[in-house]
């Protein structure tokens, strides 16, 4: 995952699924993590955690575009 670096604002634009568990569109707060596990064929891994408000605390979606 990496080490926490900073809070930042990100623009999102995705369709909401029927259950409403998605980011929708607009500006969101995100947690940036960098300098994670080193990949054998590339850079250190990093993570961007995008936050949204809801009634319950839960993880809606996890996506790893590419590992390395």
N, C-alpha and C. Protein backbone atom coordinates (compact mmCIF):
# COMPACT_ATOMS: atom_id res chain seq x y z
N UNK A 1 0.82 -1.19 0.00
CA UNK A 1 0.00 0.00 0.00
C UNK A 1 0.86 1.25 0.00
N UNK A 2 1.89 1.25 0.78
CA UNK A 2 2.76 2.42 0.84
C UNK A 2 2.56 3.21 2.12
N UNK A 3 3.30 4.28 2.22
CA UNK A 3 3.25 5.17 3.38
C UNK A 3 2.39 6.38 3.05
N UNK A 4 1.58 6.82 4.04
CA UNK A 4 0.73 7.98 3.83
C UNK A 4 1.59 9.19 3.52
N UNK A 5 1.24 9.91 2.45
CA UNK A 5 1.98 11.10 2.02
C UNK A 5 1.17 12.37 2.27
N UNK A 6 -0.11 12.38 1.79
CA UNK A 6 -0.91 13.61 1.91
C UNK A 6 -2.37 13.34 1.59
N UNK A 7 -3.19 14.31 1.98
CA UNK A 7 -4.59 14.39 1.54
C UNK A 7 -4.60 15.20 0.26
N UNK A 8 -5.45 14.84 -0.68
CA UNK A 8 -5.57 15.63 -1.90
C UNK A 8 -7.00 15.57 -2.42
N UNK A 9 -7.33 16.46 -3.33
CA UNK A 9 -8.64 16.48 -3.96
C UNK A 9 -8.51 15.83 -5.33
N UNK A 10 -9.47 14.97 -5.67
CA UNK A 10 -9.48 14.33 -6.98
C UNK A 10 -10.85 14.50 -7.61
N UNK A 11 -10.88 14.60 -8.92
CA UNK A 11 -12.14 14.67 -9.66
C UNK A 11 -12.53 13.25 -10.07
N UNK A 12 -13.77 12.88 -9.81
CA UNK A 12 -14.27 11.56 -10.20
C UNK A 12 -15.48 11.73 -11.10
N UNK A 13 -15.68 10.75 -11.96
CA UNK A 13 -16.83 10.77 -12.86
C UNK A 13 -17.15 9.33 -13.23
N UNK A 14 -18.05 8.73 -12.46
CA UNK A 14 -18.47 7.36 -12.76
C UNK A 14 -19.96 7.23 -12.53
N UNK A 15 -20.58 6.36 -13.27
CA UNK A 15 -22.01 6.11 -13.10
C UNK A 15 -22.24 5.39 -11.78
N UNK A 16 -23.31 5.76 -11.10
CA UNK A 16 -23.68 5.07 -9.87
C UNK A 16 -24.39 3.77 -10.20
N UNK A 17 -24.00 2.67 -9.57
CA UNK A 17 -24.70 1.41 -9.78
C UNK A 17 -26.08 1.47 -9.11
N UNK A 18 -26.96 0.51 -9.41
CA UNK A 18 -28.31 0.52 -8.84
C UNK A 18 -28.34 0.56 -7.31
N UNK A 19 -27.33 -0.02 -6.65
CA UNK A 19 -27.31 -0.02 -5.18
C UNK A 19 -26.81 1.30 -4.60
N UNK A 20 -26.39 2.24 -5.47
CA UNK A 20 -25.94 3.54 -5.01
C UNK A 20 -24.55 3.57 -4.41
N UNK A 21 -23.84 2.45 -4.45
CA UNK A 21 -22.51 2.37 -3.85
C UNK A 21 -21.44 2.69 -4.88
N UNK A 22 -21.21 3.97 -5.05
CA UNK A 22 -20.22 4.44 -6.01
C UNK A 22 -19.84 5.87 -5.70
N UNK A 23 -18.89 6.38 -6.42
CA UNK A 23 -18.39 7.73 -6.17
C UNK A 23 -19.19 8.81 -6.87
N UNK A 24 -19.92 8.46 -7.93
CA UNK A 24 -20.66 9.46 -8.68
C UNK A 24 -19.71 10.39 -9.41
N UNK A 25 -20.07 11.64 -9.49
CA UNK A 25 -19.19 12.60 -10.15
C UNK A 25 -19.01 13.83 -9.28
N UNK A 26 -17.86 14.45 -9.42
CA UNK A 26 -17.54 15.65 -8.64
C UNK A 26 -16.17 15.54 -8.01
N UNK A 27 -15.92 16.39 -7.07
CA UNK A 27 -14.63 16.42 -6.39
C UNK A 27 -14.71 15.64 -5.08
N UNK A 28 -13.71 14.81 -4.80
CA UNK A 28 -13.65 14.00 -3.59
C UNK A 28 -12.30 14.18 -2.91
N UNK A 29 -12.25 13.86 -1.63
CA UNK A 29 -11.00 13.86 -0.87
C UNK A 29 -10.38 12.47 -1.00
N UNK A 30 -9.06 12.44 -1.13
CA UNK A 30 -8.36 11.16 -1.28
C UNK A 30 -7.12 11.14 -0.40
N UNK A 31 -6.72 9.93 -0.01
CA UNK A 31 -5.51 9.71 0.77
C UNK A 31 -4.45 9.13 -0.17
N UNK A 32 -3.33 9.79 -0.31
CA UNK A 32 -2.25 9.34 -1.21
C UNK A 32 -1.21 8.58 -0.39
N UNK A 33 -0.88 7.36 -0.81
CA UNK A 33 0.16 6.53 -0.21
C UNK A 33 1.20 6.22 -1.27
N UNK A 34 2.48 6.34 -0.94
CA UNK A 34 3.56 6.07 -1.90
C UNK A 34 4.68 5.29 -1.22
N UNK A 35 5.64 4.86 -2.01
CA UNK A 35 6.82 4.13 -1.53
C UNK A 35 6.45 2.82 -0.86
N UNK A 36 5.54 2.07 -1.49
CA UNK A 36 5.14 0.76 -0.98
C UNK A 36 6.11 -0.32 -1.42
N UNK A 37 5.63 -1.55 -1.45
CA UNK A 37 6.45 -2.71 -1.81
C UNK A 37 7.08 -2.49 -3.18
N UNK A 38 8.36 -2.83 -3.29
CA UNK A 38 9.08 -2.67 -4.55
C UNK A 38 8.71 -3.78 -5.52
N UNK A 39 8.41 -3.41 -6.74
CA UNK A 39 8.10 -4.40 -7.77
C UNK A 39 9.40 -4.89 -8.41
N UNK A 40 9.46 -6.16 -8.71
CA UNK A 40 10.67 -6.74 -9.28
C UNK A 40 10.99 -6.13 -10.64
N UNK A 41 9.98 -5.66 -11.35
CA UNK A 41 10.21 -5.14 -12.70
C UNK A 41 9.80 -3.67 -12.85
N UNK A 42 9.68 -2.95 -11.77
CA UNK A 42 9.22 -1.58 -11.90
C UNK A 42 9.36 -0.78 -10.62
N UNK A 43 8.53 0.24 -10.48
CA UNK A 43 8.63 1.16 -9.34
C UNK A 43 8.00 0.57 -8.07
N UNK A 44 8.12 1.30 -6.99
CA UNK A 44 7.43 0.93 -5.75
C UNK A 44 5.93 1.13 -5.94
N UNK A 45 5.15 0.29 -5.27
CA UNK A 45 3.70 0.38 -5.39
C UNK A 45 3.18 1.62 -4.67
N UNK A 46 2.01 2.11 -5.11
CA UNK A 46 1.37 3.27 -4.49
C UNK A 46 -0.13 3.04 -4.48
N UNK A 47 -0.83 3.82 -3.65
CA UNK A 47 -2.27 3.66 -3.48
C UNK A 47 -2.94 5.02 -3.36
N UNK A 48 -4.12 5.14 -3.95
CA UNK A 48 -4.94 6.32 -3.78
C UNK A 48 -6.29 5.85 -3.24
N UNK A 49 -6.62 6.27 -2.03
CA UNK A 49 -7.88 5.88 -1.38
C UNK A 49 -8.84 7.06 -1.49
N UNK A 50 -9.90 6.88 -2.28
CA UNK A 50 -10.88 7.94 -2.49
C UNK A 50 -12.01 7.76 -1.48
N UNK A 51 -12.35 8.83 -0.77
CA UNK A 51 -13.35 8.77 0.29
C UNK A 51 -14.69 9.33 -0.18
N UNK A 52 -15.77 8.78 0.34
CA UNK A 52 -17.12 9.28 0.07
C UNK A 52 -17.95 9.09 1.33
N UNK A 53 -18.98 9.87 1.49
CA UNK A 53 -19.85 9.78 2.67
C UNK A 53 -21.00 8.81 2.41
N UNK A 54 -21.35 8.06 3.46
CA UNK A 54 -22.47 7.12 3.38
C UNK A 54 -23.01 6.89 4.79
N UNK A 55 -24.09 6.14 4.88
CA UNK A 55 -24.69 5.86 6.18
C UNK A 55 -23.84 4.92 7.03
N UNK A 56 -23.17 3.95 6.38
CA UNK A 56 -22.35 2.97 7.10
C UNK A 56 -20.91 3.07 6.63
N UNK A 57 -19.98 2.71 7.53
CA UNK A 57 -18.57 2.62 7.16
C UNK A 57 -18.35 1.29 6.45
N UNK A 58 -17.98 1.33 5.19
CA UNK A 58 -17.73 0.11 4.45
C UNK A 58 -16.89 0.40 3.21
N UNK A 59 -16.24 -0.63 2.70
CA UNK A 59 -15.47 -0.52 1.47
C UNK A 59 -16.38 -0.93 0.33
N UNK A 60 -16.49 -0.08 -0.68
CA UNK A 60 -17.38 -0.36 -1.79
C UNK A 60 -16.67 -1.01 -2.96
N UNK A 61 -15.45 -0.60 -3.21
CA UNK A 61 -14.79 -1.07 -4.42
C UNK A 61 -13.28 -0.98 -4.24
N UNK A 62 -12.59 -1.99 -4.74
CA UNK A 62 -11.13 -1.99 -4.75
C UNK A 62 -10.68 -2.28 -6.18
N UNK A 63 -9.80 -1.42 -6.69
CA UNK A 63 -9.29 -1.61 -8.05
C UNK A 63 -7.79 -1.43 -8.02
N UNK A 64 -7.09 -2.38 -8.61
CA UNK A 64 -5.64 -2.23 -8.79
C UNK A 64 -5.40 -2.32 -10.28
N UNK A 65 -5.21 -1.16 -10.90
CA UNK A 65 -5.06 -1.07 -12.34
C UNK A 65 -3.97 -2.00 -12.85
N UNK A 66 -2.83 -1.93 -12.20
CA UNK A 66 -1.73 -2.83 -12.52
C UNK A 66 -0.86 -2.95 -11.27
N UNK A 67 -0.31 -4.11 -11.03
CA UNK A 67 0.48 -4.29 -9.82
C UNK A 67 1.84 -3.61 -9.93
N UNK A 68 2.44 -3.70 -11.08
CA UNK A 68 3.78 -3.10 -11.22
C UNK A 68 3.85 -2.41 -12.54
